[in-house]
Amino acid sequence: MADERARYFRELRRLRRAARRWSVLGGGLTGAAAVLTPYAGLGLPDAAWAGAAGSAVALAAWRWIDLRALAARPAPPALDPAEAAARSRARLVAAVERLPAGQGIVAEVRRARSRLALRGTSMAEPWARLDRAALTLGGMTGRLTGLAEPAVLEAAAADRSLRELAGRTASVERALRLAPADARAPLAEAHRELSGQLESGVAAYERLVVAAAGYLAEDARPTSEHAAASRLAEATDLLHGVASALAELRTVGDPLRAPTR
């Protein structure tokens, strides 16, 4: 979204320039019509001068009216710097995502930033496993149709939940390092529980990816010989037969042709 305050002042400047331009043009045409009409008498050119002058004056009046109406409105408040930066980032991300490989680049940058946020914690290794499994499943998503579609939706929801759990567990771990001795016991217990939940969740996600790969393998396995292979075999046999027939024709020769001396 564009800055409303900047848009307001930009529109104000545009209307001011238009009002001044049409005022100058209307005044010039009115003066020319006032001088040329008595000089050469009334005629068709004088009607053109008068019509152009009247149109320019009317447009100038409308532009001044629009300018005053806009200037009477209060200017929108200035954006907070943080909000302005967020909007600039959103516009930049949207521009990059419109590129042919933009979505992949943005996704990789986000993954790298998430890995960097978890560096130095025990959550980095489960996060890396989850990331690898998610990338593997993402490569199969387009072919997981039919009965596998609900599993794909469930995997997407689980991926978001596990990533949020990893971030929460990492925050608890950092707080545990700073906690005094008397407050470490409950935090350590909470950290163990969250780590166990994350470990079991990542393992379940990996099993889901393996099951999805097995589904694709069984779905693509033909019950008999592949149709393309059978057609190629038939075409090969046909070409062998044609080649053998041509060789026999060259050996026998033309029986109707008389031998030459």
C-alpha atoms as a PDB file:
ATOM      1  CA  MET A   1       0.000   0.000   0.000  1.00  0.00           C
ATOM      2  CA  ALA A   2       1.323   3.417  -0.955  1.00  0.00           C
ATOM      3  CA  ASP A   3       1.899   6.114   1.614  1.00  0.00           C
ATOM      4  CA  GLU A   4      -1.406   8.034   1.856  1.00  0.00           C
ATOM      5  CA  ARG A   5       0.330  11.208   3.009  1.00  0.00           C
ATOM      6  CA  ALA A   6       2.754  11.194   0.080  1.00  0.00           C
ATOM      7  CA  ARG A   7      -0.137  10.493  -2.292  1.00  0.00           C
ATOM      8  CA  TYR A   8      -2.118  13.413  -0.852  1.00  0.00           C
ATOM      9  CA  PHE A   9       0.671  15.945  -1.377  1.00  0.00           C
ATOM     10  CA  ARG A  10       1.475  14.525  -4.811  1.00  0.00           C
ATOM     11  CA  GLU A  11      -2.138  15.016  -5.887  1.00  0.00           C
ATOM     12  CA  LEU A  12      -2.105  18.521  -4.398  1.00  0.00           C
ATOM     13  CA  ARG A  13       0.962  19.475  -6.438  1.00  0.00           C
ATOM     14  CA  ARG A  14      -0.548  18.004  -9.580  1.00  0.00           C
ATOM     15  CA  LEU A  15      -3.768  19.980  -9.225  1.00  0.00           C
ATOM     16  CA  ARG A  16      -1.845  23.189  -8.479  1.00  0.00           C
ATOM     17  CA  ARG A  17       0.271  22.815 -11.622  1.00  0.00           C
ATOM     18  CA  ALA A  18      -2.804  22.015 -13.724  1.00  0.00           C
ATOM     19  CA  ALA A  19      -4.719  25.029 -12.373  1.00  0.00           C
ATOM     20  CA  ARG A  20      -1.818  27.381 -13.113  1.00  0.00           C
ATOM     21  CA  ARG A  21      -1.268  25.931 -16.580  1.00  0.00           C
ATOM     22  CA  TRP A  22      -4.914  26.248 -17.599  1.00  0.00           C
ATOM     23  CA  SER A  23      -5.106  29.742 -16.081  1.00  0.00           C
ATOM     24  CA  VAL A  24      -2.155  30.925 -18.170  1.00  0.00           C
ATOM     25  CA  LEU A  25      -3.535  29.251 -21.299  1.00  0.00           C
ATOM     26  CA  GLY A  26      -7.021  30.642 -20.750  1.00  0.00           C
ATOM     27  CA  GLY A  27      -5.690  34.154 -20.134  1.00  0.00           C
ATOM     28  CA  GLY A  28      -3.538  34.017 -23.282  1.00  0.00           C
ATOM     29  CA  LEU A  29      -6.365  32.780 -25.483  1.00  0.00           C
ATOM     30  CA  THR A  30      -8.794  35.311 -24.026  1.00  0.00           C
ATOM     31  CA  GLY A  31      -6.349  38.140 -24.691  1.00  0.00           C
ATOM     32  CA  ALA A  32      -5.739  36.928 -28.250  1.00  0.00           C
ATOM     33  CA  ALA A  33      -9.457  36.719 -28.935  1.00  0.00           C
ATOM     34  CA  ALA A  34     -10.018  40.206 -27.469  1.00  0.00           C
ATOM     35  CA  VAL A  35      -7.321  41.698 -29.730  1.00  0.00           C
ATOM     36  CA  LEU A  36      -7.934  39.781 -32.965  1.00  0.00           C
ATOM     37  CA  THR A  37     -11.733  39.965 -33.036  1.00  0.00           C
ATOM     38  CA  PRO A  38     -11.976  43.818 -33.380  1.00  0.00           C
ATOM     39  CA  TYR A  39      -8.931  43.879 -35.629  1.00  0.00           C
ATOM     40  CA  ALA A  40     -10.244  41.623 -38.409  1.00  0.00           C
ATOM     41  CA  GLY A  41     -13.960  41.531 -37.670  1.00  0.00           C
ATOM     42  CA  LEU A  42     -16.072  38.561 -36.686  1.00  0.00           C
ATOM     43  CA  GLY A  43     -15.476  35.334 -38.611  1.00  0.00           C
ATOM     44  CA  LEU A  44     -14.882  31.636 -38.299  1.00  0.00           C
ATOM     45  CA  PRO A  45     -11.334  31.999 -36.887  1.00  0.00           C
ATOM     46  CA  ASP A  46     -12.709  34.342 -34.215  1.00  0.00           C
ATOM     47  CA  ALA A  47     -15.234  31.682 -33.151  1.00  0.00           C
ATOM     48  CA  ALA A  48     -12.379  29.201 -32.778  1.00  0.00           C
ATOM     49  CA  TRP A  49     -10.346  31.663 -30.676  1.00  0.00           C
ATOM     50  CA  ALA A  50     -13.352  32.463 -28.479  1.00  0.00           C
ATOM     51  CA  GLY A  51     -14.289  28.751 -28.019  1.00  0.00           C
ATOM     52  CA  ALA A  52     -10.724  27.789 -27.086  1.00  0.00           C
ATOM     53  CA  ALA A  53     -10.494  30.707 -24.666  1.00  0.00           C
ATOM     54  CA  GLY A  54     -13.786  29.827 -23.007  1.00  0.00           C
ATOM     55  CA  SER A  55     -12.810  26.127 -22.677  1.00  0.00           C
ATOM     56  CA  ALA A  56      -9.453  26.993 -21.150  1.00  0.00           C
ATOM     57  CA  VAL A  57     -11.022  29.391 -18.659  1.00  0.00           C
ATOM     58  CA  ALA A  58     -13.651  26.799 -17.667  1.00  0.00           C
ATOM     59  CA  LEU A  59     -11.001  24.105 -17.167  1.00  0.00           C
ATOM     60  CA  ALA A  60      -8.891  26.490 -15.119  1.00  0.00           C
ATOM     61  CA  ALA A  61     -11.884  27.264 -12.913  1.00  0.00           C
ATOM     62  CA  TRP A  62     -12.621  23.571 -12.380  1.00  0.00           C
ATOM     63  CA  ARG A  63      -8.981  22.856 -11.497  1.00  0.00           C
ATOM     64  CA  TRP A  64      -8.960  25.677  -8.929  1.00  0.00           C
ATOM     65  CA  ILE A  65     -12.178  24.307  -7.416  1.00  0.00           C
ATOM     66  CA  ASP A  66     -10.676  20.799  -7.184  1.00  0.00           C
ATOM     67  CA  LEU A  67      -7.500  22.234  -5.657  1.00  0.00           C
ATOM     68  CA  ARG A  68      -9.381  24.142  -2.987  1.00  0.00           C
ATOM     69  CA  ALA A  69     -11.530  21.091  -2.158  1.00  0.00           C
ATOM     70  CA  LEU A  70      -8.455  18.909  -1.740  1.00  0.00           C
ATOM     71  CA  ALA A  71      -6.553  21.535   0.242  1.00  0.00           C
ATOM     72  CA  ALA A  72      -9.503  21.858   2.628  1.00  0.00           C
ATOM     73  CA  ARG A  73      -9.120  18.207   3.619  1.00  0.00           C
ATOM     74  CA  PRO A  74      -6.614  17.509   6.404  1.00  0.00           C
ATOM     75  CA  ALA A  75      -3.460  15.735   5.320  1.00  0.00           C
ATOM     76  CA  PRO A  76      -3.190  12.064   6.392  1.00  0.00           C
ATOM     77  CA  PRO A  77      -0.890  11.476   9.374  1.00  0.00           C
ATOM     78  CA  ALA A  78       2.697  10.484   8.740  1.00  0.00           C
ATOM     79  CA  LEU A  79       3.492   6.773   8.766  1.00  0.00           C
ATOM     80  CA  ASP A  80       5.375   5.207  11.620  1.00  0.00           C
ATOM     81  CA  PRO A  81       8.951   4.371  10.465  1.00  0.00           C
ATOM     82  CA  ALA A  82       8.490   0.718  11.371  1.00  0.00           C
ATOM     83  CA  GLU A  83       5.250   0.510   9.393  1.00  0.00           C
ATOM     84  CA  ALA A  84       6.837   2.306   6.441  1.00  0.00           C
ATOM     85  CA  ALA A  85       9.753  -0.151   6.489  1.00  0.00           C
ATOM     86  CA  ALA A  86       7.338  -3.093   6.648  1.00  0.00           C
ATOM     87  CA  ARG A  87       5.429  -1.790   3.643  1.00  0.00           C
ATOM     88  CA  SER A  88       8.660  -1.265   1.716  1.00  0.00           C
ATOM     89  CA  ARG A  89       9.724  -4.833   2.481  1.00  0.00           C
ATOM     90  CA  ALA A  90       6.333  -6.135   1.410  1.00  0.00           C
ATOM     91  CA  ARG A  91       6.571  -4.270  -1.908  1.00  0.00           C
ATOM     92  CA  LEU A  92      10.097  -5.598  -2.473  1.00  0.00           C
ATOM     93  CA  VAL A  93       9.071  -9.170  -1.704  1.00  0.00           C
ATOM     94  CA  ALA A  94       6.050  -8.890  -4.006  1.00  0.00           C
ATOM     95  CA  ALA A  95       8.275  -7.572  -6.818  1.00  0.00           C
ATOM     96  CA  VAL A  96      10.764 -10.421  -6.368  1.00  0.00           C
ATOM     97  CA  GLU A  97       8.007 -13.061  -6.237  1.00  0.00           C
ATOM     98  CA  ARG A  98       6.738 -11.891  -9.651  1.00  0.00           C
ATOM     99  CA  LEU A  99      10.049 -12.962 -11.225  1.00  0.00           C
ATOM    100  CA  PRO A 100      10.233 -16.436 -12.848  1.00  0.00           C
ATOM    101  CA  ALA A 101      12.219 -17.944  -9.949  1.00  0.00           C
ATOM    102  CA  GLY A 102      11.226 -15.322  -7.387  1.00  0.00           C
ATOM    103  CA  GLN A 103       9.075 -17.481  -5.127  1.00  0.00           C
ATOM    104  CA  GLY A 104      11.853 -20.027  -4.707  1.00  0.00           C
ATOM    105  CA  ILE A 105      14.366 -17.284  -3.900  1.00  0.00           C
ATOM    106  CA  VAL A 106      12.081 -15.718  -1.288  1.00  0.00           C
ATOM    107  CA  ALA A 107      11.371 -19.120   0.288  1.00  0.00           C
ATOM    108  CA  GLU A 108      15.077 -19.919   0.486  1.00  0.00           C
ATOM    109  CA  VAL A 109      15.854 -16.547   2.088  1.00  0.00           C
ATOM    110  CA  ARG A 110      13.138 -17.113   4.683  1.00  0.00           C
ATOM    111  CA  ARG A 111      14.462 -20.583   5.461  1.00  0.00           C
ATOM    112  CA  ALA A 112      17.995 -19.235   5.837  1.00  0.00           C
ATOM    113  CA  ARG A 113      16.769 -16.516   8.191  1.00  0.00           C
ATOM    114  CA  SER A 114      14.894 -19.068  10.283  1.00  0.00           C
ATOM    115  CA  ARG A 115      17.947 -21.322  10.490  1.00  0.00           C
ATOM    116  CA  LEU A 116      20.052 -18.346  11.543  1.00  0.00           C
ATOM    117  CA  ALA A 117      17.580 -17.518  14.313  1.00  0.00           C
ATOM    118  CA  LEU A 118      17.956 -21.041  15.722  1.00  0.00           C
ATOM    119  CA  ARG A 119      21.746 -21.187  15.479  1.00  0.00           C
ATOM    120  CA  GLY A 120      23.394 -22.117  18.748  1.00  0.00           C
ATOM    121  CA  THR A 121      20.366 -23.968  20.111  1.00  0.00           C
ATOM    122  CA  SER A 122      19.486 -27.646  20.176  1.00  0.00           C
ATOM    123  CA  MET A 123      16.565 -26.877  17.849  1.00  0.00           C
ATOM    124  CA  ALA A 124      18.828 -26.341  14.836  1.00  0.00           C
ATOM    125  CA  GLU A 125      19.143 -30.070  14.089  1.00  0.00           C
ATOM    126  CA  PRO A 126      15.369 -30.905  14.247  1.00  0.00           C
ATOM    127  CA  TRP A 127      14.683 -27.760  12.212  1.00  0.00           C
ATOM    128  CA  ALA A 128      17.149 -28.879   9.512  1.00  0.00           C
ATOM    129  CA  ARG A 129      15.506 -32.311   9.383  1.00  0.00           C
ATOM    130  CA  LEU A 130      12.073 -30.727   9.103  1.00  0.00           C
ATOM    131  CA  ASP A 131      13.327 -28.409   6.381  1.00  0.00           C
ATOM    132  CA  ARG A 132      14.740 -31.288   4.338  1.00  0.00           C
ATOM    133  CA  ALA A 133      11.544 -33.281   4.703  1.00  0.00           C
ATOM    134  CA  ALA A 134       9.401 -30.288   3.738  1.00  0.00           C
ATOM    135  CA  LEU A 135      11.497 -29.663   0.608  1.00  0.00           C
ATOM    136  CA  THR A 136      11.203 -33.321  -0.355  1.00  0.00           C
ATOM    137  CA  LEU A 137       7.442 -33.282   0.123  1.00  0.00           C
ATOM    138  CA  GLY A 138       7.196 -30.017  -1.795  1.00  0.00           C
ATOM    139  CA  GLY A 139       8.741 -31.701  -4.816  1.00  0.00           C
ATOM    140  CA  MET A 140       6.011 -34.367  -4.732  1.00  0.00           C
ATOM    141  CA  THR A 141       3.017 -32.166  -3.937  1.00  0.00           C
ATOM    142  CA  GLY A 142       1.991 -31.643  -7.558  1.00  0.00           C
ATOM    143  CA  ARG A 143       1.638 -35.427  -8.072  1.00  0.00           C
ATOM    144  CA  LEU A 144      -0.052 -36.217  -4.763  1.00  0.00           C
ATOM    145  CA  THR A 145      -3.643 -36.005  -5.989  1.00  0.00           C
ATOM    146  CA  GLY A 146      -6.817 -37.910  -5.344  1.00  0.00           C
ATOM    147  CA  LEU A 147      -6.741 -39.816  -2.076  1.00  0.00           C
ATOM    148  CA  ALA A 148      -3.441 -38.181  -1.078  1.00  0.00           C
ATOM    149  CA  GLU A 149      -4.729 -34.573  -1.134  1.00  0.00           C
ATOM    150  CA  PRO A 150      -5.969 -34.576   2.518  1.00  0.00           C
ATOM    151  CA  ALA A 151      -2.541 -35.817   3.619  1.00  0.00           C
ATOM    152  CA  VAL A 152      -0.871 -32.919   1.796  1.00  0.00           C
ATOM    153  CA  LEU A 153      -3.111 -30.397   3.567  1.00  0.00           C
ATOM    154  CA  GLU A 154      -2.442 -32.044   6.908  1.00  0.00           C
ATOM    155  CA  ALA A 155       1.308 -31.967   6.229  1.00  0.00           C
ATOM    156  CA  ALA A 156       1.184 -28.226   5.509  1.00  0.00           C
ATOM    157  CA  ALA A 157      -0.616 -27.560   8.793  1.00  0.00           C
ATOM    158  CA  ALA A 158       1.828 -29.794  10.670  1.00  0.00           C
ATOM    159  CA  ASP A 159       4.796 -28.011   9.104  1.00  0.00           C
ATOM    160  CA  ARG A 160       3.583 -24.637  10.352  1.00  0.00           C
ATOM    161  CA  SER A 161       2.849 -26.035  13.811  1.00  0.00           C
ATOM    162  CA  LEU A 162       6.244 -27.723  14.148  1.00  0.00           C
ATOM    163  CA  ARG A 163       8.114 -24.602  13.066  1.00  0.00           C
ATOM    164  CA  GLU A 164       6.230 -22.532  15.620  1.00  0.00           C
ATOM    165  CA  LEU A 165       7.009 -25.176  18.263  1.00  0.00           C
ATOM    166  CA  ALA A 166      10.707 -25.074  17.347  1.00  0.00           C
ATOM    167  CA  GLY A 167      10.808 -21.297  17.765  1.00  0.00           C
ATOM    168  CA  ARG A 168       9.039 -21.516  21.120  1.00  0.00           C
ATOM    169  CA  THR A 169      11.390 -24.233  22.359  1.00  0.00           C
ATOM    170  CA  ALA A 170      14.425 -22.217  21.276  1.00  0.00           C
ATOM    171  CA  SER A 171      13.124 -19.203  23.219  1.00  0.00           C
ATOM    172  CA  VAL A 172      12.715 -21.359  26.338  1.00  0.00           C
ATOM    173  CA  GLU A 173      16.239 -22.686  25.896  1.00  0.00           C
ATOM    174  CA  ARG A 174      17.714 -19.191  25.664  1.00  0.00           C
ATOM    175  CA  ALA A 175      15.769 -18.126  28.753  1.00  0.00           C
ATOM    176  CA  LEU A 176      17.037 -21.212  30.563  1.00  0.00           C
ATOM    177  CA  ARG A 177      20.614 -20.049  30.091  1.00  0.00           C
ATOM    178  CA  LEU A 178      19.833 -16.744  31.781  1.00  0.00           C
ATOM    179  CA  ALA A 179      17.573 -18.056  34.549  1.00  0.00           C
ATOM    180  CA  PRO A 180      18.838 -18.160  38.156  1.00  0.00           C
ATOM    181  CA  ALA A 181      19.426 -21.509  39.791  1.00  0.00           C
ATOM    182  CA  ASP A 182      16.148 -21.543  41.732  1.00  0.00           C
ATOM    183  CA  ALA A 183      14.086 -20.969  38.573  1.00  0.00           C
ATOM    184  CA  ARG A 184      15.845 -23.409  36.276  1.00  0.00           C
ATOM    185  CA  ALA A 185      14.009 -26.577  37.287  1.00  0.00           C
ATOM    186  CA  PRO A 186      10.550 -25.685  35.860  1.00  0.00           C
ATOM    187  CA  LEU A 187      12.113 -24.178  32.727  1.00  0.00           C
ATOM    188  CA  ALA A 188      14.259 -27.276  32.199  1.00  0.00           C
ATOM    189  CA  GLU A 189      11.208 -29.495  32.570  1.00  0.00           C
ATOM    190  CA  ALA A 190       9.243 -27.402  30.076  1.00  0.00           C
ATOM    191  CA  HIS A 191      12.192 -27.466  27.686  1.00  0.00           C
ATOM    192  CA  ARG A 192      12.391 -31.283  27.891  1.00  0.00           C
ATOM    193  CA  GLU A 193       8.680 -31.634  27.183  1.00  0.00           C
ATOM    194  CA  LEU A 194       8.764 -29.241  24.240  1.00  0.00           C
ATOM    195  CA  SER A 195      11.879 -30.883  22.816  1.00  0.00           C
ATOM    196  CA  GLY A 196      10.240 -34.289  23.071  1.00  0.00           C
ATOM    197  CA  GLN A 197       7.128 -33.026  21.303  1.00  0.00           C
ATOM    198  CA  LEU A 198       9.244 -31.502  18.533  1.00  0.00           C
ATOM    199  CA  GLU A 199      11.320 -34.649  18.097  1.00  0.00           C
ATOM    200  CA  SER A 200       8.263 -36.889  17.843  1.00  0.00           C
ATOM    201  CA  GLY A 201       6.550 -34.422  15.496  1.00  0.00           C
ATOM    202  CA  VAL A 202       9.540 -34.211  13.144  1.00  0.00           C
ATOM    203  CA  ALA A 203       9.858 -38.007  13.118  1.00  0.00           C
ATOM    204  CA  ALA A 204       6.160 -38.344  12.273  1.00  0.00           C
ATOM    205  CA  TYR A 205       6.565 -35.767   9.480  1.00  0.00           C
ATOM    206  CA  GLU A 206       9.488 -37.718   8.047  1.00  0.00           C
ATOM    207  CA  ARG A 207       7.435 -40.913   8.113  1.00  0.00           C
ATOM    208  CA  LEU A 208       4.668 -39.075   6.257  1.00  0.00           C
ATOM    209  CA  VAL A 209       7.133 -38.023   3.542  1.00  0.00           C
ATOM    210  CA  VAL A 210       8.361 -41.604   3.183  1.00  0.00           C
ATOM    211  CA  ALA A 211       4.753 -42.813   2.920  1.00  0.00           C
ATOM    212  CA  ALA A 212       4.061 -40.163   0.251  1.00  0.00           C
ATOM    213  CA  ALA A 213       7.046 -41.381  -1.751  1.00  0.00           C
ATOM    214  CA  GLY A 214       5.767 -44.954  -1.460  1.00  0.00           C
ATOM    215  CA  TYR A 215       2.322 -43.820  -2.631  1.00  0.00           C
ATOM    216  CA  LEU A 216       3.850 -42.187  -5.700  1.00  0.00           C
ATOM    217  CA  ALA A 217       5.927 -45.264  -6.455  1.00  0.00           C
ATOM    218  CA  GLU A 218       2.932 -47.625  -6.223  1.00  0.00           C
ATOM    219  CA  ASP A 219       0.684 -45.241  -8.137  1.00  0.00           C
ATOM    220  CA  ALA A 220       3.167 -45.000 -11.010  1.00  0.00           C
ATOM    221  CA  ARG A 221       4.000 -48.751 -11.110  1.00  0.00           C
ATOM    222  CA  PRO A 222       2.170 -50.320 -14.084  1.00  0.00           C
ATOM    223  CA  THR A 223       0.410 -53.681 -13.754  1.00  0.00           C
ATOM    224  CA  SER A 224       1.868 -54.780 -17.100  1.00  0.00           C
ATOM    225  CA  GLU A 225       4.513 -53.550 -19.508  1.00  0.00           C
ATOM    226  CA  HIS A 226       4.494 -49.801 -20.021  1.00  0.00           C
ATOM    227  CA  ALA A 227       2.530 -48.734 -23.085  1.00  0.00           C
ATOM    228  CA  ALA A 228       5.367 -46.598 -24.439  1.00  0.00           C
ATOM    229  CA  ALA A 229       7.839 -49.503 -24.167  1.00  0.00           C
ATOM    230  CA  SER A 230       5.497 -51.883 -25.993  1.00  0.00           C
ATOM    231  CA  ARG A 231       4.938 -49.375 -28.813  1.00  0.00           C
ATOM    232  CA  LEU A 232       8.685 -48.875 -29.165  1.00  0.00           C
ATOM    233  CA  ALA A 233       9.224 -52.643 -29.340  1.00  0.00           C
ATOM    234  CA  GLU A 234       6.583 -52.938 -32.089  1.00  0.00           C
ATOM    235  CA  ALA A 235       8.175 -50.086 -34.049  1.00  0.00           C
ATOM    236  CA  THR A 236      11.608 -51.760 -33.707  1.00  0.00           C
ATOM    237  CA  ASP A 237      10.267 -55.084 -35.029  1.00  0.00           C
ATOM    238  CA  LEU A 238       8.630 -53.273 -37.928  1.00  0.00           C
ATOM    239  CA  LEU A 239      11.868 -51.535 -38.894  1.00  0.00           C
ATOM    240  CA  HIS A 240      13.769 -54.839 -38.709  1.00  0.00           C
ATOM    241  CA  GLY A 241      11.229 -56.422 -41.038  1.00  0.00           C
ATOM    242  CA  VAL A 242      11.456 -53.562 -43.548  1.00  0.00           C
ATOM    243  CA  ALA A 243      15.257 -53.728 -43.497  1.00  0.00           C
ATOM    244  CA  SER A 244      15.210 -57.518 -44.110  1.00  0.00           C
ATOM    245  CA  ALA A 245      12.802 -57.116 -47.039  1.00  0.00           C
ATOM    246  CA  LEU A 246      14.970 -54.456 -48.653  1.00  0.00           C
ATOM    247  CA  ALA A 247      18.047 -56.686 -48.280  1.00  0.00           C
ATOM    248  CA  GLU A 248      16.244 -59.571 -49.990  1.00  0.00           C
ATOM    249  CA  LEU A 249      15.145 -57.332 -52.852  1.00  0.00           C
ATOM    250  CA  ARG A 250      18.715 -56.208 -53.468  1.00  0.00           C
ATOM    251  CA  THR A 251      19.910 -59.839 -53.481  1.00  0.00           C
ATOM    252  CA  VAL A 252      17.273 -61.160 -55.920  1.00  0.00           C
ATOM    253  CA  GLY A 253      17.395 -58.215 -58.292  1.00  0.00           C
ATOM    254  CA  ASP A 254      14.809 -57.375 -60.950  1.00  0.00           C
ATOM    255  CA  PRO A 255      13.649 -60.638 -62.713  1.00  0.00           C
ATOM    256  CA  LEU A 256      12.099 -58.725 -65.674  1.00  0.00           C
ATOM    257  CA  ARG A 257      15.299 -56.999 -66.619  1.00  0.00           C
ATOM    258  CA  ALA A 258      17.261 -58.692 -69.453  1.00  0.00           C
ATOM    259  CA  PRO A 259      20.927 -59.500 -68.746  1.00  0.00           C
ATOM    260  CA  THR A 260      23.356 -57.118 -70.396  1.00  0.00           C
ATOM    261  CA  ARG A 261      26.366 -58.227 -72.466  1.00  0.00           C
END
